[in-house]
PDB file of N, CA and C in Angstrom:
ATOM      1  N   VAL A   1      20.943 101.254 -25.413  1.00  0.00           N
ATOM      2  CA  VAL A   1      21.176 100.228 -24.216  1.00  0.00           C
ATOM      3  C   VAL A   1      21.779 100.793 -23.027  1.00  0.00           C
ATOM      4  N   SER A   2      21.039 100.707 -22.036  1.00  0.00           N
ATOM      5  CA  SER A   2      21.558 101.154 -20.720  1.00  0.00           C
ATOM      6  C   SER A   2      21.836 100.202 -19.848  1.00  0.00           C
ATOM      7  N   HIS A   3      22.668 100.618 -18.620  1.00  0.00           N
ATOM      8  CA  HIS A   3      23.062  99.634 -17.491  1.00  0.00           C
ATOM      9  C   HIS A   3      21.855  98.806 -17.097  1.00  0.00           C
ATOM     10  N   GLY A   4      22.003  97.535 -17.046  1.00  0.00           N
ATOM     11  CA  GLY A   4      20.747  96.901 -16.356  1.00  0.00           C
ATOM     12  C   GLY A   4      19.783  96.302 -17.565  1.00  0.00           C
ATOM     13  N   ASP A   5      19.831  96.698 -18.744  1.00  0.00           N
ATOM     14  CA  ASP A   5      19.114  96.264 -19.764  1.00  0.00           C
ATOM     15  C   ASP A   5      19.504  94.840 -20.198  1.00  0.00           C
ATOM     16  N   ILE A   6      18.516  94.072 -20.470  1.00  0.00           N
ATOM     17  CA  ILE A   6      18.657  92.699 -20.895  1.00  0.00           C
ATOM     18  C   ILE A   6      18.482  92.627 -22.425  1.00  0.00           C
ATOM     19  N   VAL A   7      19.601  92.243 -23.112  1.00  0.00           N
ATOM     20  CA  VAL A   7      19.398  92.060 -24.501  1.00  0.00           C
ATOM     21  C   VAL A   7      19.214  90.477 -24.906  1.00  0.00           C
ATOM     22  N   ASP A   8      18.124  90.258 -25.583  1.00  0.00           N
ATOM     23  CA  ASP A   8      17.888  88.978 -25.793  1.00  0.00           C
ATOM     24  C   ASP A   8      18.333  88.659 -27.518  1.00  0.00           C
ATOM     25  N   VAL A   9      19.321  87.666 -27.649  1.00  0.00           N
ATOM     26  CA  VAL A   9      19.808  87.609 -28.854  1.00  0.00           C
ATOM     27  C   VAL A   9      19.550  86.096 -29.329  1.00  0.00           C
ATOM     28  N   PRO A  10      18.594  85.895 -30.345  1.00  0.00           N
ATOM     29  CA  PRO A  10      18.357  84.551 -30.683  1.00  0.00           C
ATOM     30  C   PRO A  10      19.426  83.744 -31.216  1.00  0.00           C
ATOM     31  N   PRO A  11      19.433  82.511 -31.017  1.00  0.00           N
ATOM     32  CA  PRO A  11      20.533  81.653 -31.645  1.00  0.00           C
ATOM     33  C   PRO A  11      20.534  81.768 -33.167  1.00  0.00           C
ATOM     34  N   ALA A  12      21.911  81.617 -33.572  1.00  0.00           N
ATOM     35  CA  ALA A  12      21.935  81.749 -35.063  1.00  0.00           C
ATOM     36  C   ALA A  12      21.253  80.659 -35.780  1.00  0.00           C
ATOM     37  N   PRO A  13      20.525  80.742 -36.795  1.00  0.00           N
ATOM     38  CA  PRO A  13      19.918  79.503 -37.561  1.00  0.00           C
ATOM     39  C   PRO A  13      21.003  78.846 -38.267  1.00  0.00           C
ATOM     40  N   TYR A  14      20.612  77.411 -38.490  1.00  0.00           N
ATOM     41  CA  TYR A  14      21.439  76.812 -39.222  1.00  0.00           C
ATOM     42  C   TYR A  14      20.775  75.922 -40.156  1.00  0.00           C
ATOM     43  N   CYS A  15      21.313  75.188 -41.170  1.00  0.00           N
ATOM     44  CA  CYS A  15      20.869  74.275 -42.099  1.00  0.00           C
ATOM     45  C   CYS A  15      21.792  72.914 -41.918  1.00  0.00           C
ATOM     46  N   TYR A  16      21.459  71.749 -42.200  1.00  0.00           N
ATOM     47  CA  TYR A  16      22.181  70.608 -42.122  1.00  0.00           C
ATOM     48  C   TYR A  16      22.442  69.994 -43.390  1.00  0.00           C
ATOM     49  N   VAL A  17      23.729  69.610 -43.638  1.00  0.00           N
ATOM     50  CA  VAL A  17      23.875  68.994 -44.939  1.00  0.00           C
ATOM     51  C   VAL A  17      24.579  67.625 -44.805  1.00  0.00           C
ATOM     52  N   GLN A  18      23.932  66.706 -45.349  1.00  0.00           N
ATOM     53  CA  GLN A  18      24.444  65.260 -45.136  1.00  0.00           C
ATOM     54  C   GLN A  18      24.187  64.445 -46.434  1.00  0.00           C
ATOM     55  N   GLY A  19      25.037  63.356 -46.500  1.00  0.00           N
ATOM     56  CA  GLY A  19      24.968  62.426 -47.606  1.00  0.00           C
ATOM     57  C   GLY A  19      26.253  62.633 -48.379  1.00  0.00           C
ATOM     58  N   GLU A  20      26.246  62.477 -49.705  1.00  0.00           N
ATOM     59  CA  GLU A  20      27.347  62.502 -50.715  1.00  0.00           C
ATOM     60  C   GLU A  20      27.982  63.819 -50.835  1.00  0.00           C
ATOM     61  N   VAL A  21      28.467  64.261 -49.695  1.00  0.00           N
ATOM     62  CA  VAL A  21      29.198  65.546 -49.676  1.00  0.00           C
ATOM     63  C   VAL A  21      30.624  65.542 -49.013  1.00  0.00           C
ATOM     64  N   ARG A  22      31.538  66.390 -49.282  1.00  0.00           N
ATOM     65  CA  ARG A  22      32.990  66.182 -48.804  1.00  0.00           C
ATOM     66  C   ARG A  22      32.960  66.261 -47.355  1.00  0.00           C
ATOM     67  N   SER A  23      32.298  67.186 -46.681  1.00  0.00           N
ATOM     68  CA  SER A  23      32.353  67.417 -45.212  1.00  0.00           C
ATOM     69  C   SER A  23      30.956  67.589 -44.674  1.00  0.00           C
ATOM     70  N   PRO A  24      30.079  66.518 -44.392  1.00  0.00           N
ATOM     71  CA  PRO A  24      28.715  66.818 -43.869  1.00  0.00           C
ATOM     72  C   PRO A  24      28.903  67.527 -42.474  1.00  0.00           C
ATOM     73  N   SER A  25      27.970  68.511 -42.457  1.00  0.00           N
ATOM     74  CA  SER A  25      27.941  69.278 -41.340  1.00  0.00           C
ATOM     75  C   SER A  25      26.763  70.320 -41.209  1.00  0.00           C
ATOM     76  N   ARG A  26      26.684  71.189 -40.114  1.00  0.00           N
ATOM     77  CA  ARG A  26      25.770  72.187 -40.136  1.00  0.00           C
ATOM     78  C   ARG A  26      26.456  73.393 -40.773  1.00  0.00           C
ATOM     79  N   VAL A  27      25.616  74.285 -41.359  1.00  0.00           N
ATOM     80  CA  VAL A  27      25.976  75.529 -42.022  1.00  0.00           C
ATOM     81  C   VAL A  27      25.271  76.705 -41.321  1.00  0.00           C
ATOM     82  N   PRO A  28      25.898  77.662 -40.834  1.00  0.00           N
ATOM     83  CA  PRO A  28      25.070  78.886 -40.394  1.00  0.00           C
ATOM     84  C   PRO A  28      24.567  79.534 -41.583  1.00  0.00           C
ATOM     85  N   VAL A  29      23.147  80.032 -41.208  1.00  0.00           N
ATOM     86  CA  VAL A  29      22.436  80.723 -42.195  1.00  0.00           C
ATOM     87  C   VAL A  29      22.601  82.082 -42.187  1.00  0.00           C
ATOM     88  N   GLU A  30      23.161  82.599 -43.241  1.00  0.00           N
ATOM     89  CA  GLU A  30      23.306  84.123 -43.372  1.00  0.00           C
ATOM     90  C   GLU A  30      22.416  84.644 -44.563  1.00  0.00           C
ATOM     91  N   ARG A  31      22.213  85.944 -44.581  1.00  0.00           N
ATOM     92  CA  ARG A  31      21.408  86.541 -45.771  1.00  0.00           C
ATOM     93  C   ARG A  31      22.178  86.083 -47.008  1.00  0.00           C
ATOM     94  N   GLY A  32      21.226  85.688 -47.885  1.00  0.00           N
ATOM     95  CA  GLY A  32      21.739  85.224 -49.260  1.00  0.00           C
ATOM     96  C   GLY A  32      22.278  83.863 -49.523  1.00  0.00           C
ATOM     97  N   LEU A  33      21.974  83.033 -48.223  1.00  0.00           N
ATOM     98  CA  LEU A  33      22.477  81.547 -48.475  1.00  0.00           C
ATOM     99  C   LEU A  33      21.558  80.833 -49.359  1.00  0.00           C
ATOM    100  N   THR A  34      22.054  80.087 -50.300  1.00  0.00           N
ATOM    101  CA  THR A  34      21.110  79.342 -51.138  1.00  0.00           C
ATOM    102  C   THR A  34      21.704  77.845 -51.186  1.00  0.00           C
ATOM    103  N   LEU A  35      20.961  76.950 -51.702  1.00  0.00           N
ATOM    104  CA  LEU A  35      21.333  75.648 -51.881  1.00  0.00           C
ATOM    105  C   LEU A  35      22.803  75.378 -52.366  1.00  0.00           C
ATOM    106  N   LEU A  36      22.923  76.017 -53.454  1.00  0.00           N
ATOM    107  CA  LEU A  36      24.260  75.798 -54.132  1.00  0.00           C
ATOM    108  C   LEU A  36      25.665  76.396 -53.188  1.00  0.00           C
ATOM    109  N   ARG A  37      25.390  77.456 -52.531  1.00  0.00           N
ATOM    110  CA  ARG A  37      26.262  78.049 -51.616  1.00  0.00           C
ATOM    111  C   ARG A  37      26.530  77.106 -50.309  1.00  0.00           C
ATOM    112  N   ALA A  38      25.419  76.560 -49.795  1.00  0.00           N
ATOM    113  CA  ALA A  38      25.647  75.779 -48.622  1.00  0.00           C
ATOM    114  C   ALA A  38      26.325  74.477 -49.081  1.00  0.00           C
ATOM    115  N   LEU A  39      26.098  73.991 -50.254  1.00  0.00           N
ATOM    116  CA  LEU A  39      26.841  72.768 -50.695  1.00  0.00           C
ATOM    117  C   LEU A  39      28.320  73.153 -50.842  1.00  0.00           C
ATOM    118  N   THR A  40      28.630  74.314 -51.315  1.00  0.00           N
ATOM    119  CA  THR A  40      29.984  74.754 -51.346  1.00  0.00           C
ATOM    120  C   THR A  40      30.749  74.896 -50.142  1.00  0.00           C
ATOM    121  N   MET A  41      30.042  75.318 -49.078  1.00  0.00           N
ATOM    122  CA  MET A  41      30.506  75.452 -47.662  1.00  0.00           C
ATOM    123  C   MET A  41      30.842  74.158 -47.081  1.00  0.00           C
ATOM    124  N   VAL A  42      30.221  73.090 -47.508  1.00  0.00           N
ATOM    125  CA  VAL A  42      30.702  71.723 -46.999  1.00  0.00           C
ATOM    126  C   VAL A  42      31.745  70.952 -47.945  1.00  0.00           C
ATOM    127  N   GLY A  43      32.274  71.749 -48.770  1.00  0.00           N
ATOM    128  CA  GLY A  43      33.169  71.084 -49.718  1.00  0.00           C
ATOM    129  C   GLY A  43      32.687  70.646 -51.010  1.00  0.00           C
ATOM    130  N   GLY A  44      31.507  70.785 -51.209  1.00  0.00           N
ATOM    131  CA  GLY A  44      31.011  70.312 -52.539  1.00  0.00           C
ATOM    132  C   GLY A  44      30.469  68.965 -52.480  1.00  0.00           C
ATOM    133  N   VAL A  45      29.945  68.452 -53.535  1.00  0.00           N
ATOM    134  CA  VAL A  45      29.319  67.096 -53.676  1.00  0.00           C
ATOM    135  C   VAL A  45      30.554  65.969 -54.091  1.00  0.00           C
ATOM    136  N   THR A  46      30.386  64.848 -53.701  1.00  0.00           N
ATOM    137  CA  THR A  46      31.416  63.801 -54.202  1.00  0.00           C
ATOM    138  C   THR A  46      31.140  63.304 -55.500  1.00  0.00           C
ATOM    139  N   GLU A  47      31.890  62.514 -56.145  1.00  0.00           N
ATOM    140  CA  GLU A  47      31.716  62.096 -57.430  1.00  0.00           C
ATOM    141  C   GLU A  47      30.556  60.948 -57.656  1.00  0.00           C
ATOM    142  N   TRP A  48      30.187  60.466 -56.411  1.00  0.00           N
ATOM    143  CA  TRP A  48      29.096  59.577 -56.438  1.00  0.00           C
ATOM    144  C   TRP A  48      27.783  60.209 -56.103  1.00  0.00           C
ATOM    145  N   ALA A  49      27.631  61.576 -56.045  1.00  0.00           N
ATOM    146  CA  ALA A  49      26.497  62.247 -55.679  1.00  0.00           C
ATOM    147  C   ALA A  49      25.372  62.207 -56.726  1.00  0.00           C
ATOM    148  N   ASP A  50      24.132  62.142 -56.477  1.00  0.00           N
ATOM    149  CA  ASP A  50      23.114  62.114 -57.579  1.00  0.00           C
ATOM    150  C   ASP A  50      22.669  63.519 -57.515  1.00  0.00           C
ATOM    151  N   LEU A  51      23.228  64.188 -58.536  1.00  0.00           N
ATOM    152  CA  LEU A  51      22.956  65.678 -58.778  1.00  0.00           C
ATOM    153  C   LEU A  51      21.606  66.025 -59.362  1.00  0.00           C
ATOM    154  N   LYS A  52      20.652  65.033 -59.719  1.00  0.00           N
ATOM    155  CA  LYS A  52      19.384  65.344 -60.209  1.00  0.00           C
ATOM    156  C   LYS A  52      18.284  65.170 -59.191  1.00  0.00           C
ATOM    157  N   GLU A  53      18.640  64.675 -58.015  1.00  0.00           N
ATOM    158  CA  GLU A  53      17.739  64.620 -56.987  1.00  0.00           C
ATOM    159  C   GLU A  53      18.220  64.905 -55.620  1.00  0.00           C
ATOM    160  N   VAL A  54      18.614  66.303 -55.331  1.00  0.00           N
ATOM    161  CA  VAL A  54      19.086  66.791 -54.072  1.00  0.00           C
ATOM    162  C   VAL A  54      17.772  67.155 -53.257  1.00  0.00           C
ATOM    163  N   ARG A  55      17.609  66.699 -52.179  1.00  0.00           N
ATOM    164  CA  ARG A  55      16.416  66.859 -51.405  1.00  0.00           C
ATOM    165  C   ARG A  55      16.532  67.930 -50.137  1.00  0.00           C
ATOM    166  N   ILE A  56      15.531  68.789 -50.083  1.00  0.00           N
ATOM    167  CA  ILE A  56      15.536  69.551 -48.880  1.00  0.00           C
ATOM    168  C   ILE A  56      14.345  69.349 -48.189  1.00  0.00           C
ATOM    169  N   LEU A  57      14.542  68.828 -46.671  1.00  0.00           N
ATOM    170  CA  LEU A  57      13.439  68.662 -45.861  1.00  0.00           C
ATOM    171  C   LEU A  57      13.426  69.931 -45.115  1.00  0.00           C
ATOM    172  N   TYR A  58      12.042  70.357 -45.042  1.00  0.00           N
ATOM    173  CA  TYR A  58      11.744  71.718 -44.344  1.00  0.00           C
ATOM    174  C   TYR A  58      10.978  71.498 -42.983  1.00  0.00           C
ATOM    175  N   GLY A  59      11.297  72.390 -41.990  1.00  0.00           N
ATOM    176  CA  GLY A  59      10.491  72.276 -40.729  1.00  0.00           C
ATOM    177  C   GLY A  59      11.017  73.492 -39.946  1.00  0.00           C
ATOM    178  N   ASP A  60      11.175  73.290 -38.664  1.00  0.00           N
ATOM    179  CA  ASP A  60      11.642  74.399 -37.762  1.00  0.00           C
ATOM    180  C   ASP A  60      10.528  75.684 -37.950  1.00  0.00           C
ATOM    181  N   GLY A  61       9.344  75.384 -37.500  1.00  0.00           N
ATOM    182  CA  GLY A  61       8.485  76.584 -37.607  1.00  0.00           C
ATOM    183  C   GLY A  61       7.706  76.802 -38.780  1.00  0.00           C
ATOM    184  N   ARG A  62       8.162  76.023 -39.841  1.00  0.00           N
ATOM    185  CA  ARG A  62       7.470  76.163 -41.165  1.00  0.00           C
ATOM    186  C   ARG A  62       6.600  74.888 -41.342  1.00  0.00           C
ATOM    187  N   GLU A  63       5.741  74.939 -42.243  1.00  0.00           N
ATOM    188  CA  GLU A  63       4.984  73.624 -42.679  1.00  0.00           C
ATOM    189  C   GLU A  63       6.050  72.724 -42.987  1.00  0.00           C
ATOM    190  N   PRO A  64       5.930  71.537 -42.314  1.00  0.00           N
ATOM    191  CA  PRO A  64       6.958  70.505 -42.711  1.00  0.00           C
ATOM    192  C   PRO A  64       6.714  69.957 -44.315  1.00  0.00           C
ATOM    193  N   GLY A  65       7.725  69.693 -44.877  1.00  0.00           N
ATOM    194  CA  GLY A  65       7.628  69.268 -46.221  1.00  0.00           C
ATOM    195  C   GLY A  65       9.024  69.016 -46.856  1.00  0.00           C
ATOM    196  N   GLU A  66       8.866  68.734 -48.126  1.00  0.00           N
ATOM    197  CA  GLU A  66      10.274  68.183 -48.759  1.00  0.00           C
ATOM    198  C   GLU A  66      10.118  68.771 -50.205  1.00  0.00           C
ATOM    199  N   ALA A  67      11.248  69.015 -50.781  1.00  0.00           N
ATOM    200  CA  ALA A  67      11.273  69.534 -52.220  1.00  0.00           C
ATOM    201  C   ALA A  67      12.466  68.938 -52.812  1.00  0.00           C
ATOM    202  N   VAL A  68      12.502  68.527 -54.100  1.00  0.00           N
ATOM    203  CA  VAL A  68      13.604  67.954 -54.819  1.00  0.00           C
ATOM    204  C   VAL A  68      14.004  68.967 -55.933  1.00  0.00           C
ATOM    205  N   PHE A  69      15.477  69.151 -55.818  1.00  0.00           N
ATOM    206  CA  PHE A  69      15.973  70.007 -56.973  1.00  0.00           C
ATOM    207  C   PHE A  69      16.996  69.221 -57.748  1.00  0.00           C
ATOM    208  N   ASN A  70      17.219  69.863 -59.012  1.00  0.00           N
ATOM    209  CA  ASN A  70      18.191  69.170 -59.939  1.00  0.00           C
ATOM    210  C   ASN A  70      19.370  70.146 -59.833  1.00  0.00           C
ATOM    211  N   LEU A  71      20.486  69.655 -59.223  1.00  0.00           N
ATOM    212  CA  LEU A  71      21.599  70.546 -59.036  1.00  0.00           C
ATOM    213  C   LEU A  71      22.296  70.694 -60.487  1.00  0.00           C
ATOM    214  N   LYS A  72      22.279  69.824 -61.255  1.00  0.00           N
ATOM    215  CA  LYS A  72      22.795  70.078 -62.696  1.00  0.00           C
ATOM    216  C   LYS A  72      22.154  71.404 -63.347  1.00  0.00           C
ATOM    217  N   LYS A  73      20.945  71.408 -63.227  1.00  0.00           N
ATOM    218  CA  LYS A  73      20.085  72.555 -63.828  1.00  0.00           C
ATOM    219  C   LYS A  73      20.278  73.841 -63.118  1.00  0.00           C
ATOM    220  N   ILE A  74      20.488  73.670 -61.850  1.00  0.00           N
ATOM    221  CA  ILE A  74      20.816  74.976 -60.954  1.00  0.00           C
ATOM    222  C   ILE A  74      22.185  75.429 -61.356  1.00  0.00           C
ATOM    223  N   ARG A  75      23.163  74.684 -61.418  1.00  0.00           N
ATOM    224  CA  ARG A  75      24.517  75.030 -61.822  1.00  0.00           C
ATOM    225  C   ARG A  75      24.621  75.738 -63.327  1.00  0.00           C
ATOM    226  N   GLU A  76      23.752  75.180 -64.202  1.00  0.00           N
ATOM    227  CA  GLU A  76      23.794  75.722 -65.582  1.00  0.00           C
ATOM    228  C   GLU A  76      22.893  76.826 -65.681  1.00  0.00           C
ATOM    229  N   GLY A  77      22.156  77.440 -64.667  1.00  0.00           N
ATOM    230  CA  GLY A  77      21.348  78.459 -64.732  1.00  0.00           C
ATOM    231  C   GLY A  77      20.108  78.211 -65.382  1.00  0.00           C
ATOM    232  N   GLN A  78      19.502  76.979 -65.275  1.00  0.00           N
ATOM    233  CA  GLN A  78      18.253  76.582 -65.975  1.00  0.00           C
ATOM    234  C   GLN A  78      17.264  76.564 -64.862  1.00  0.00           C
ATOM    235  N   ALA A  79      17.584  76.548 -63.639  1.00  0.00           N
ATOM    236  CA  ALA A  79      16.650  76.352 -62.670  1.00  0.00           C
ATOM    237  C   ALA A  79      17.087  77.324 -61.390  1.00  0.00           C
ATOM    238  N   PRO A  80      16.059  77.794 -60.631  1.00  0.00           N
ATOM    239  CA  PRO A  80      16.519  78.917 -59.615  1.00  0.00           C
ATOM    240  C   PRO A  80      17.224  77.986 -58.487  1.00  0.00           C
ATOM    241  N   ASP A  81      18.074  78.714 -57.839  1.00  0.00           N
ATOM    242  CA  ASP A  81      18.953  78.144 -56.705  1.00  0.00           C
ATOM    243  C   ASP A  81      17.972  78.540 -55.459  1.00  0.00           C
ATOM    244  N   PRO A  82      17.303  77.773 -54.621  1.00  0.00           N
ATOM    245  CA  PRO A  82      16.421  78.121 -53.587  1.00  0.00           C
ATOM    246  C   PRO A  82      17.281  78.726 -52.431  1.00  0.00           C
ATOM    247  N   ALA A  83      16.524  79.579 -51.969  1.00  0.00           N
ATOM    248  CA  ALA A  83      17.091  80.435 -50.680  1.00  0.00           C
ATOM    249  C   ALA A  83      16.946  79.435 -49.340  1.00  0.00           C
ATOM    250  N   LEU A  84      17.645  79.457 -48.500  1.00  0.00           N
ATOM    251  CA  LEU A  84      17.547  78.706 -47.233  1.00  0.00           C
ATOM    252  C   LEU A  84      17.521  79.749 -46.027  1.00  0.00           C
ATOM    253  N   GLU A  85      16.511  79.409 -45.206  1.00  0.00           N
ATOM    254  CA  GLU A  85      16.163  80.293 -44.027  1.00  0.00           C
ATOM    255  C   GLU A  85      16.602  79.731 -42.524  1.00  0.00           C
ATOM    256  N   GLY A  86      17.003  78.484 -42.607  1.00  0.00           N
ATOM    257  CA  GLY A  86      17.353  77.871 -41.452  1.00  0.00           C
ATOM    258  C   GLY A  86      16.445  76.865 -41.025  1.00  0.00           C
ATOM    259  N   GLY A  87      17.012  75.579 -40.594  1.00  0.00           N
ATOM    260  CA  GLY A  87      16.215  74.584 -40.073  1.00  0.00           C
ATOM    261  C   GLY A  87      16.121  73.538 -41.262  1.00  0.00           C
ATOM    262  N   GLU A  88      16.491  73.743 -42.445  1.00  0.00           N
ATOM    263  CA  GLU A  88      16.507  72.810 -43.489  1.00  0.00           C
ATOM    264  C   GLU A  88      17.441  71.537 -43.336  1.00  0.00           C
ATOM    265  N   VAL A  89      17.067  70.438 -43.712  1.00  0.00           N
ATOM    266  CA  VAL A  89      18.030  69.361 -43.912  1.00  0.00           C
ATOM    267  C   VAL A  89      18.280  69.179 -45.361  1.00  0.00           C
ATOM    268  N   ILE A  90      19.412  69.242 -45.944  1.00  0.00           N
ATOM    269  CA  ILE A  90      19.723  68.903 -47.192  1.00  0.00           C
ATOM    270  C   ILE A  90      20.435  67.697 -47.285  1.00  0.00           C
ATOM    271  N   ILE A  91      19.814  66.741 -48.230  1.00  0.00           N
ATOM    272  CA  ILE A  91      20.228  65.408 -48.261  1.00  0.00           C
ATOM    273  C   ILE A  91      20.703  65.078 -49.849  1.00  0.00           C
ATOM    274  N   VAL A  92      21.998  64.803 -49.931  1.00  0.00           N
ATOM    275  CA  VAL A  92      22.475  64.439 -51.309  1.00  0.00           C
ATOM    276  C   VAL A  92      22.741  62.789 -51.304  1.00  0.00           C
ATOM    277  N   ASN A  93      21.845  62.318 -52.160  1.00  0.00           N
ATOM    278  CA  ASN A  93      21.879  60.852 -52.131  1.00  0.00           C
ATOM    279  C   ASN A  93      22.981  60.405 -53.005  1.00  0.00           C
ATOM    280  N   ARG A  94      23.326  59.114 -53.021  1.00  0.00           N
ATOM    281  CA  ARG A  94      24.247  58.361 -53.785  1.00  0.00           C
ATOM    282  C   ARG A  94      23.570  58.037 -55.131  1.00  0.00           C
ATOM    283  N   ARG A  95      24.210  58.281 -56.148  1.00  0.00           N
ATOM    284  CA  ARG A  95      23.474  57.863 -57.390  1.00  0.00           C
ATOM    285  C   ARG A  95      23.797  56.242 -57.774  1.00  0.00           C
ATOM    286  N   PHE A  96      22.921  55.735 -58.559  1.00  0.00           N
ATOM    287  CA  PHE A  96      23.028  54.235 -58.799  1.00  0.00           C
ATOM    288  C   PHE A  96      23.514  54.176 -60.296  1.00  0.00           C
ATOM    289  N   LEU A  97      24.398  53.341 -60.427  1.00  0.00           N
ATOM    290  CA  LEU A  97      24.917  53.032 -61.909  1.00  0.00           C
ATOM    291  C   LEU A  97      23.749  52.277 -62.672  1.00  0.00           C
TER     292      LEU A  97
END
């Protein structure tokens, strides 16, 4: 880098976590960020969270879509923990009794 050079730094990617979590917010996406880690970064889920149907909405330059994950199976190692790339919206719904 020399004097007068212009360095373009893209904005940091984020994913967004909402619903039955302790502190809904945006989470900066760094290498190795997964669904379970993102939920941990917002303080975890509440006692009312539906762990069997955690939704991820995809967008931001990717094919729009949605996927549903069973957090209980991910925690037990029975299902893969999906990687996050930025732009995802994670929704943890309230379970019904």
